[in-house]
Amino acid sequence: MAYTYEQLKEMTVAELREIAAGVKHEAVQGYTQLNKEHLLAALCKAFNLDMHVHRHVKAAAINKGDIKSQMKELKKKRDIALGAHDHAQLHALRREMHDLRRALRKAVEVAPK
């Protein structure tokens, strides 16, 4: 049976050892003495599985120019709220600016190199 890394990771050590018992590969020799981490690595090597978790990132539908223009508008509103000493409005605007900055950083990290 073909296994995926996620399936193997969810199994117990006993289940992994049962699978290793049926595998004839040098990576799983001595499987009875291996802990879960090492047994998982050995099975992945024997089954030629990638141990890295791949995250499926949606295409960034964020336009940097739009975010930057929104930030400029929010900064203007923030300056007005500062002059009016409106703390509730300041808090809301700073939170929105924070969220936009995070979205911008996330869009930059996801962008292909």
C-alpha atoms as a PDB file:
ATOM      1  CA  MET A   1       0.000   0.000   0.000  1.00  0.00           C
ATOM      2  CA  ALA A   2       1.284   3.466  -0.827  1.00  0.00           C
ATOM      3  CA  TYR A   3       1.450   5.824   2.120  1.00  0.00           C
ATOM      4  CA  THR A   4       1.803   9.567   2.320  1.00  0.00           C
ATOM      5  CA  TYR A   5       3.936  11.418   4.831  1.00  0.00           C
ATOM      6  CA  GLU A   6       0.835  12.763   6.571  1.00  0.00           C
ATOM      7  CA  GLN A   7      -0.624   9.269   6.961  1.00  0.00           C
ATOM      8  CA  LEU A   8       2.609   7.918   8.403  1.00  0.00           C
ATOM      9  CA  LYS A   9       2.975  10.863  10.752  1.00  0.00           C
ATOM     10  CA  GLU A  10      -0.471  10.209  12.272  1.00  0.00           C
ATOM     11  CA  MET A  11       0.327   6.535  13.017  1.00  0.00           C
ATOM     12  CA  THR A  12       1.628   5.207  16.301  1.00  0.00           C
ATOM     13  CA  VAL A  13       5.101   3.719  16.723  1.00  0.00           C
ATOM     14  CA  ALA A  14       3.611   0.216  16.838  1.00  0.00           C
ATOM     15  CA  GLU A  15       1.818   0.745  13.538  1.00  0.00           C
ATOM     16  CA  LEU A  16       4.964   2.155  11.950  1.00  0.00           C
ATOM     17  CA  ARG A  17       6.949  -0.860  13.149  1.00  0.00           C
ATOM     18  CA  GLU A  18       4.382  -3.213  11.591  1.00  0.00           C
ATOM     19  CA  ILE A  19       4.813  -1.440   8.274  1.00  0.00           C
ATOM     20  CA  ALA A  20       8.613  -1.490   8.616  1.00  0.00           C
ATOM     21  CA  ALA A  21       8.514  -5.240   9.239  1.00  0.00           C
ATOM     22  CA  GLY A  22       7.160  -5.768   5.751  1.00  0.00           C
ATOM     23  CA  VAL A  23       9.632  -3.449   4.031  1.00  0.00           C
ATOM     24  CA  LYS A  24      12.889  -4.818   2.671  1.00  0.00           C
ATOM     25  CA  HIS A  25      15.083  -1.719   2.592  1.00  0.00           C
ATOM     26  CA  GLU A  26      18.365  -0.930   4.282  1.00  0.00           C
ATOM     27  CA  ALA A  27      16.942   2.301   5.742  1.00  0.00           C
ATOM     28  CA  VAL A  28      14.566   0.374   8.012  1.00  0.00           C
ATOM     29  CA  GLN A  29      17.052  -2.161   9.343  1.00  0.00           C
ATOM     30  CA  GLY A  30      16.857  -2.270  13.120  1.00  0.00           C
ATOM     31  CA  TYR A  31      13.351  -0.779  13.065  1.00  0.00           C
ATOM     32  CA  THR A  32      12.533  -2.314  16.442  1.00  0.00           C
ATOM     33  CA  GLN A  33      15.099  -0.054  18.102  1.00  0.00           C
ATOM     34  CA  LEU A  34      14.049   3.202  16.393  1.00  0.00           C
ATOM     35  CA  ASN A  35      11.872   5.858  17.964  1.00  0.00           C
ATOM     36  CA  LYS A  36       8.988   7.395  16.012  1.00  0.00           C
ATOM     37  CA  GLU A  37      10.978  10.289  14.565  1.00  0.00           C
ATOM     38  CA  HIS A  38      13.767   8.074  13.232  1.00  0.00           C
ATOM     39  CA  LEU A  39      11.362   5.363  12.108  1.00  0.00           C
ATOM     40  CA  LEU A  40       9.306   7.916  10.210  1.00  0.00           C
ATOM     41  CA  ALA A  41      12.426   9.225   8.473  1.00  0.00           C
ATOM     42  CA  ALA A  42      13.525   5.682   7.581  1.00  0.00           C
ATOM     43  CA  LEU A  43      10.133   4.774   6.143  1.00  0.00           C
ATOM     44  CA  CYS A  44      10.028   7.977   4.124  1.00  0.00           C
ATOM     45  CA  LYS A  45      13.441   7.125   2.724  1.00  0.00           C
ATOM     46  CA  ALA A  46      12.345   3.557   1.946  1.00  0.00           C
ATOM     47  CA  PHE A  47       9.134   4.723   0.241  1.00  0.00           C
ATOM     48  CA  ASN A  48      10.911   7.684  -1.411  1.00  0.00           C
ATOM     49  CA  LEU A  49       8.585  10.226   0.235  1.00  0.00           C
ATOM     50  CA  ASP A  50       9.288  13.890   0.801  1.00  0.00           C
ATOM     51  CA  MET A  51       9.302  14.646   4.534  1.00  0.00           C
ATOM     52  CA  HIS A  52       8.720  18.373   4.122  1.00  0.00           C
ATOM     53  CA  VAL A  53       5.209  19.649   4.509  1.00  0.00           C
ATOM     54  CA  HIS A  54       4.155  21.567   1.446  1.00  0.00           C
ATOM     55  CA  ARG A  55       1.695  24.335   1.990  1.00  0.00           C
ATOM     56  CA  HIS A  56      -0.601  25.101  -0.848  1.00  0.00           C
ATOM     57  CA  VAL A  57      -0.670  28.870  -1.030  1.00  0.00           C
ATOM     58  CA  LYS A  58      -3.408  30.488  -3.011  1.00  0.00           C
ATOM     59  CA  ALA A  59      -2.276  32.878  -5.685  1.00  0.00           C
ATOM     60  CA  ALA A  60      -1.828  36.254  -4.100  1.00  0.00           C
ATOM     61  CA  ALA A  61      -4.858  38.264  -5.115  1.00  0.00           C
ATOM     62  CA  ILE A  62      -3.411  41.246  -3.310  1.00  0.00           C
ATOM     63  CA  ASN A  63      -2.307  44.250  -5.266  1.00  0.00           C
ATOM     64  CA  LYS A  64       0.529  46.084  -3.536  1.00  0.00           C
ATOM     65  CA  GLY A  65      -0.471  49.397  -5.072  1.00  0.00           C
ATOM     66  CA  ASP A  66      -3.993  49.110  -3.698  1.00  0.00           C
ATOM     67  CA  ILE A  67      -2.711  48.311  -0.234  1.00  0.00           C
ATOM     68  CA  LYS A  68      -0.288  51.231  -0.280  1.00  0.00           C
ATOM     69  CA  SER A  69      -3.018  53.647  -1.355  1.00  0.00           C
ATOM     70  CA  GLN A  70      -5.249  52.332   1.444  1.00  0.00           C
ATOM     71  CA  MET A  71      -2.379  52.891   3.887  1.00  0.00           C
ATOM     72  CA  LYS A  72      -2.034  56.525   2.739  1.00  0.00           C
ATOM     73  CA  GLU A  73      -5.744  57.113   3.313  1.00  0.00           C
ATOM     74  CA  LEU A  74      -5.572  55.481   6.741  1.00  0.00           C
ATOM     75  CA  LYS A  75      -2.575  57.644   7.698  1.00  0.00           C
ATOM     76  CA  LYS A  76      -4.542  60.769   6.790  1.00  0.00           C
ATOM     77  CA  LYS A  77      -7.470  59.580   8.909  1.00  0.00           C
ATOM     78  CA  ARG A  78      -5.054  58.722  11.726  1.00  0.00           C
ATOM     79  CA  ASP A  79      -3.617  62.245  11.698  1.00  0.00           C
ATOM     80  CA  ILE A  80      -7.138  63.696  11.892  1.00  0.00           C
ATOM     81  CA  ALA A  81      -8.014  61.361  14.792  1.00  0.00           C
ATOM     82  CA  LEU A  82      -4.784  62.337  16.568  1.00  0.00           C
ATOM     83  CA  GLY A  83      -5.717  66.023  16.316  1.00  0.00           C
ATOM     84  CA  ALA A  84      -9.225  65.309  17.595  1.00  0.00           C
ATOM     85  CA  HIS A  85      -7.938  63.105  20.473  1.00  0.00           C
ATOM     86  CA  ASP A  86     -10.331  60.337  19.392  1.00  0.00           C
ATOM     87  CA  HIS A  87      -8.695  57.296  21.005  1.00  0.00           C
ATOM     88  CA  ALA A  88     -11.298  54.778  19.881  1.00  0.00           C
ATOM     89  CA  GLN A  89     -10.890  55.858  16.262  1.00  0.00           C
ATOM     90  CA  LEU A  90      -7.088  55.788  16.639  1.00  0.00           C
ATOM     91  CA  HIS A  91      -7.220  52.253  17.939  1.00  0.00           C
ATOM     92  CA  ALA A  92      -9.419  51.095  15.061  1.00  0.00           C
ATOM     93  CA  LEU A  93      -7.247  52.801  12.446  1.00  0.00           C
ATOM     94  CA  ARG A  94      -4.004  51.438  13.887  1.00  0.00           C
ATOM     95  CA  ARG A  95      -5.482  47.931  13.934  1.00  0.00           C
ATOM     96  CA  GLU A  96      -6.533  48.262  10.292  1.00  0.00           C
ATOM     97  CA  MET A  97      -3.074  49.578   9.346  1.00  0.00           C
ATOM     98  CA  HIS A  98      -1.491  46.670  11.174  1.00  0.00           C
ATOM     99  CA  ASP A  99      -3.624  44.173   9.260  1.00  0.00           C
ATOM    100  CA  LEU A 100      -2.758  45.803   5.946  1.00  0.00           C
ATOM    101  CA  ARG A 101       0.969  45.738   6.753  1.00  0.00           C
ATOM    102  CA  ARG A 102       0.737  42.050   7.538  1.00  0.00           C
ATOM    103  CA  ALA A 103      -1.148  41.365   4.310  1.00  0.00           C
ATOM    104  CA  LEU A 104       1.502  43.275   2.384  1.00  0.00           C
ATOM    105  CA  ARG A 105       4.338  41.328   4.007  1.00  0.00           C
ATOM    106  CA  LYS A 106       2.545  38.063   3.380  1.00  0.00           C
ATOM    107  CA  ALA A 107       2.057  38.953  -0.293  1.00  0.00           C
ATOM    108  CA  VAL A 108       5.763  39.728  -0.621  1.00  0.00           C
ATOM    109  CA  GLU A 109       6.774  36.414   1.023  1.00  0.00           C
ATOM    110  CA  VAL A 110       4.484  34.365  -1.224  1.00  0.00           C
ATOM    111  CA  ALA A 111       5.668  36.039  -4.425  1.00  0.00           C
ATOM    112  CA  PRO A 112       7.815  33.705  -6.549  1.00  0.00           C
ATOM    113  CA  LYS A 113      11.513  34.460  -6.677  1.00  0.00           C
END
